[in-house]
């Protein structure tokens, strides 16, 4: 997901997006553990998407606190 798309969302939508990404990442990890994962690059992509979303959420919370 692009950064501009994430910045357009409010904090509640970002928290929901993070929860969905964490759920997807867990599913990919389980697929990897059971040798069913065909595209291993998806793990890195979801991990980076989670980090990106968490960073933007932290920026928004910090900006709202000011």
C-alpha atoms as a PDB file:
ATOM      1  CA  UNK A   1       0.000   0.000   0.000  1.00  0.00           C
ATOM      2  CA  UNK A   2       1.265   3.439  -0.878  1.00  0.00           C
ATOM      3  CA  UNK A   3       2.124   6.019   1.730  1.00  0.00           C
ATOM      4  CA  UNK A   4      -0.215   8.586   0.201  1.00  0.00           C
ATOM      5  CA  UNK A   5      -3.138   6.168   0.559  1.00  0.00           C
ATOM      6  CA  UNK A   6      -2.294   5.591   4.215  1.00  0.00           C
ATOM      7  CA  UNK A   7      -1.914   9.303   4.972  1.00  0.00           C
ATOM      8  CA  UNK A   8      -5.409   9.937   3.582  1.00  0.00           C
ATOM      9  CA  UNK A   9      -6.951   7.650   6.227  1.00  0.00           C
ATOM     10  CA  UNK A  10      -7.895   8.702   9.742  1.00  0.00           C
ATOM     11  CA  UNK A  11      -6.495   7.013  12.860  1.00  0.00           C
ATOM     12  CA  UNK A  12      -9.367   4.529  13.241  1.00  0.00           C
ATOM     13  CA  UNK A  13      -8.990   3.382   9.635  1.00  0.00           C
ATOM     14  CA  UNK A  14      -5.225   3.067  10.099  1.00  0.00           C
ATOM     15  CA  UNK A  15      -5.675   0.917  13.197  1.00  0.00           C
ATOM     16  CA  UNK A  16      -8.091  -1.297  11.270  1.00  0.00           C
ATOM     17  CA  UNK A  17      -5.625  -1.539   8.369  1.00  0.00           C
ATOM     18  CA  UNK A  18      -2.821  -2.526  10.749  1.00  0.00           C
ATOM     19  CA  UNK A  19      -5.002  -5.250  12.275  1.00  0.00           C
ATOM     20  CA  UNK A  20      -5.808  -6.622   8.816  1.00  0.00           C
ATOM     21  CA  UNK A  21      -2.150  -6.559   7.808  1.00  0.00           C
ATOM     22  CA  UNK A  22      -1.138  -8.356  11.001  1.00  0.00           C
ATOM     23  CA  UNK A  23      -3.772 -11.011  10.340  1.00  0.00           C
ATOM     24  CA  UNK A  24      -2.540 -11.426   6.756  1.00  0.00           C
ATOM     25  CA  UNK A  25       1.076 -11.634   7.923  1.00  0.00           C
ATOM     26  CA  UNK A  26       0.139 -14.329  10.442  1.00  0.00           C
ATOM     27  CA  UNK A  27      -1.567 -16.318   7.679  1.00  0.00           C
ATOM     28  CA  UNK A  28       1.524 -16.052   5.493  1.00  0.00           C
ATOM     29  CA  UNK A  29       3.743 -17.205   8.361  1.00  0.00           C
ATOM     30  CA  UNK A  30       1.514 -20.231   8.895  1.00  0.00           C
ATOM     31  CA  UNK A  31       1.645 -21.022   5.171  1.00  0.00           C
ATOM     32  CA  UNK A  32       5.431 -20.809   5.310  1.00  0.00           C
ATOM     33  CA  UNK A  33       5.558 -23.116   8.327  1.00  0.00           C
ATOM     34  CA  UNK A  34       3.417 -25.725   6.575  1.00  0.00           C
ATOM     35  CA  UNK A  35       5.395 -25.394   3.329  1.00  0.00           C
ATOM     36  CA  UNK A  36       2.382 -24.030   1.417  1.00  0.00           C
ATOM     37  CA  UNK A  37       3.725 -20.551   0.695  1.00  0.00           C
ATOM     38  CA  UNK A  38       4.657 -20.163  -2.947  1.00  0.00           C
ATOM     39  CA  UNK A  39       5.629 -16.475  -2.979  1.00  0.00           C
ATOM     40  CA  UNK A  40       8.035 -15.817  -0.107  1.00  0.00           C
ATOM     41  CA  UNK A  41       8.435 -12.146  -0.994  1.00  0.00           C
ATOM     42  CA  UNK A  42       4.915 -11.508   0.319  1.00  0.00           C
ATOM     43  CA  UNK A  43       6.220 -11.910   3.879  1.00  0.00           C
ATOM     44  CA  UNK A  44       8.610  -8.993   3.483  1.00  0.00           C
ATOM     45  CA  UNK A  45       6.023  -6.874   1.712  1.00  0.00           C
ATOM     46  CA  UNK A  46       3.434  -7.291   4.453  1.00  0.00           C
ATOM     47  CA  UNK A  47       6.040  -6.639   7.144  1.00  0.00           C
ATOM     48  CA  UNK A  48       7.045  -3.386   5.446  1.00  0.00           C
ATOM     49  CA  UNK A  49       3.393  -2.395   4.975  1.00  0.00           C
ATOM     50  CA  UNK A  50       2.787  -2.941   8.696  1.00  0.00           C
ATOM     51  CA  UNK A  51       5.807  -0.810   9.588  1.00  0.00           C
ATOM     52  CA  UNK A  52       4.725   1.907   7.158  1.00  0.00           C
ATOM     53  CA  UNK A  53       1.195   2.009   8.575  1.00  0.00           C
ATOM     54  CA  UNK A  54       2.427   2.042  12.182  1.00  0.00           C
ATOM     55  CA  UNK A  55       4.821   4.898  11.401  1.00  0.00           C
ATOM     56  CA  UNK A  56       2.089   7.016   9.846  1.00  0.00           C
ATOM     57  CA  UNK A  57      -0.254   6.238  12.743  1.00  0.00           C
ATOM     58  CA  UNK A  58       2.408   7.354  15.226  1.00  0.00           C
ATOM     59  CA  UNK A  59       2.958  10.562  13.246  1.00  0.00           C
ATOM     60  CA  UNK A  60      -0.759  11.312  13.253  1.00  0.00           C
ATOM     61  CA  UNK A  61      -1.060  10.656  17.001  1.00  0.00           C
ATOM     62  CA  UNK A  62       1.966  12.828  17.712  1.00  0.00           C
ATOM     63  CA  UNK A  63       0.544  15.606  15.549  1.00  0.00           C
ATOM     64  CA  UNK A  64      -2.845  15.395  17.282  1.00  0.00           C
ATOM     65  CA  UNK A  65      -1.183  15.665  20.704  1.00  0.00           C
ATOM     66  CA  UNK A  66       0.367  19.012  19.820  1.00  0.00           C
END
